[in-house]
Protein backbone atom coordinates (compact mmCIF):
# COMPACT_ATOMS: atom_id res chain seq x y z
CA MET A 1 0.07 0.19 -0.01
CA ASP A 2 1.11 3.43 -0.77
CA THR A 3 1.07 6.19 1.84
CA ALA A 4 1.18 10.09 1.80
CA SER A 5 1.09 12.41 4.63
CA ILE A 6 1.33 16.05 5.13
CA GLU A 7 4.64 16.53 7.42
CA LEU A 8 3.75 19.31 9.86
CA PRO A 9 7.37 20.32 11.04
CA GLY A 10 8.48 22.77 8.44
CA THR A 11 5.01 23.49 6.76
CA GLU A 12 3.88 27.17 6.52
CA ILE A 13 0.33 28.23 7.48
CA GLU A 14 -0.51 31.22 5.41
CA SER A 15 -3.72 31.97 7.21
CA ILE A 16 -5.93 30.78 10.07
CA SER A 17 -9.41 31.86 10.24
CA LEU A 18 -12.61 30.90 12.28
CA THR A 19 -16.01 31.53 10.84
CA ASP A 20 -19.46 30.14 12.27
CA GLY A 21 -17.50 27.39 14.06
CA THR A 22 -15.35 26.33 11.41
CA LEU A 23 -11.64 26.46 11.79
CA ARG A 24 -9.45 26.74 8.50
CA LEU A 25 -5.75 26.65 8.39
CA ARG A 26 -4.43 27.18 4.75
CA PHE A 27 -1.25 25.54 3.80
CA PRO A 28 0.26 27.20 0.64
CA LYS A 29 2.72 24.46 0.07
CA ALA A 30 2.17 21.55 2.61
CA ARG A 31 5.06 19.40 2.70
CA ILE A 32 3.91 15.82 1.63
CA ILE A 33 5.84 12.67 2.09
CA LYS A 34 5.06 9.71 -0.11
CA THR A 35 6.07 6.24 0.53
CA MET A 36 5.66 3.32 -1.99
CA THR A 37 4.93 -0.32 -0.86
CA GLY A 38 8.15 -2.42 -0.62
CA SER A 39 10.54 0.52 -0.72
CA THR A 40 12.50 2.18 2.18
CA ASP A 41 12.91 5.33 0.08
CA ARG A 42 10.66 8.18 0.31
CA THR A 43 9.59 11.24 -1.96
CA LEU A 44 8.92 14.81 -0.99
CA TRP A 45 6.05 16.44 -2.83
CA TRP A 46 4.13 19.88 -1.93
CA GLN A 47 0.54 20.69 -2.61
CA ALA A 48 -1.86 23.70 -1.51
CA GLY A 49 -4.93 22.75 0.87
CA ASP A 50 -6.71 23.37 4.05
CA LEU A 51 -7.23 21.54 7.32
CA VAL A 52 -10.81 22.08 8.37
CA ILE A 53 -12.29 21.58 11.74
CA GLU A 54 -16.07 21.92 12.07
CA GLY A 55 -17.71 22.71 15.35
CA ALA A 56 -14.20 24.04 16.45
CA GLN A 57 -13.53 25.44 20.03
CA LEU A 58 -10.58 27.07 20.68
CA PRO A 59 -9.23 27.93 24.25
CA GLY A 60 -7.44 31.22 23.11
CA PRO A 61 -7.04 33.56 20.39
CA LEU A 62 -5.81 32.86 16.86
CA PRO A 63 -2.01 33.29 16.12
CA ALA A 64 -0.77 35.75 13.96
CA THR A 65 0.01 34.43 10.28
CA PRO A 66 1.88 33.55 8.12
CA ILE A 67 3.81 31.19 10.37
CA VAL A 68 5.48 27.84 10.22
CA CYS A 69 4.37 24.95 12.02
CA ALA A 70 6.73 23.37 14.18
CA GLY A 71 5.03 20.10 14.74
CA GLY A 72 2.16 18.71 17.04
CA ASP A 73 -0.91 16.35 17.09
CA ILE A 74 -3.91 15.80 15.11
CA ASP A 75 -6.53 14.00 16.85
CA ALA A 76 -9.20 12.13 14.92
CA ASN A 77 -11.41 9.98 17.43
CA LEU A 78 -9.08 7.20 18.68
CA TYR A 79 -5.99 8.16 16.56
CA THR A 80 -3.47 10.70 17.59
CA TYR A 81 -1.10 11.78 14.61
CA ARG A 82 2.32 13.18 15.74
CA ASP A 83 3.82 15.91 13.41
CA MET A 84 2.09 14.65 10.37
CA ILE A 85 -1.71 14.47 8.83
CA PRO A 86 -2.49 11.37 6.87
CA LEU A 87 -3.82 11.76 3.19
CA PRO A 88 -6.78 11.38 2.86
CA LEU A 89 -8.18 12.69 6.11
CA SER A 90 -11.85 12.95 6.72
CA THR A 91 -13.76 11.89 9.95
CA ARG A 92 -16.45 12.57 12.54
CA GLY A 93 -16.44 12.68 16.25
CA ARG A 94 -13.93 13.79 18.65
CA VAL A 95 -11.04 15.82 16.81
CA GLY A 96 -8.78 18.55 17.22
CA CYS A 97 -5.33 19.62 17.06
CA ASP A 98 -2.21 20.87 19.19
CA LEU A 99 0.15 22.52 16.94
CA LYS A 100 3.31 23.95 18.06
CA LEU A 101 4.28 27.14 16.02
CA SER A 102 7.84 28.63 15.13
CA ASP A 103 7.28 31.32 17.50
CA GLY A 104 6.79 29.24 20.42
CA SER A 105 3.19 29.72 20.60
CA ARG A 106 0.47 26.65 20.00
CA LEU A 107 -2.73 26.59 18.30
CA GLN A 108 -5.16 24.15 20.27
CA ALA A 109 -8.63 23.23 19.03
CA SER A 110 -11.14 20.73 19.29
CA GLY A 111 -14.26 19.92 17.19
CA ASP A 112 -16.94 17.60 15.55
CA ALA A 113 -15.29 16.68 12.27
CA ILE A 114 -12.03 17.10 10.52
CA HIS A 115 -11.18 16.73 7.00
CA LEU A 116 -8.60 18.04 4.53
CA GLU A 117 -9.43 20.09 1.28
CA MET A 118 -6.43 19.62 -1.13
CA GLU A 119 -6.34 21.61 -4.33
CA GLY A 120 -4.92 20.51 -7.69
CA ILE A 121 -2.34 17.92 -7.97
CA ALA A 122 0.90 17.26 -5.82
CA LYS A 123 4.04 18.77 -7.21
CA TYR A 124 7.29 16.55 -7.00
CA VAL A 125 10.25 18.13 -5.06
CA GLU A 126 12.79 15.52 -4.36
CA HIS A 127 13.67 11.81 -3.63
CA ILE A 128 14.42 11.00 0.01
CA ARG A 129 17.07 8.31 0.06
CA THR A 130 17.53 6.23 2.97
CA ASN A 131 21.17 5.71 3.72
CA THR A 132 21.89 2.14 4.35
CA PRO A 133 25.09 0.48 4.96
């Protein structure tokens, strides 16, 4: 099985908005790591898209943008994804995020549903070789 995920550390967040309970994080060039079945090597791609949390509740104010994500967790019911977001992602239930930002602040939110809205086709950047002895 081939897998793809957004690598949160190093991914820029262009904007963050909260409108009518919908939190939207805009990634102008999300860093996507793809792995092919049977291979230890990976490839790096980029693609624009939004992480959307519906029924969002935040304990504090929205951080200033643009800003770079330094890592964090995405919660999707029983699963916690550390420093990554699986592609595709679309689930309802107990969801949220706890993201560390490059200025030392955090973006924490919980909600009722979470999904990714990716735009266009992912663009290839480079091959990531695994150093093997």
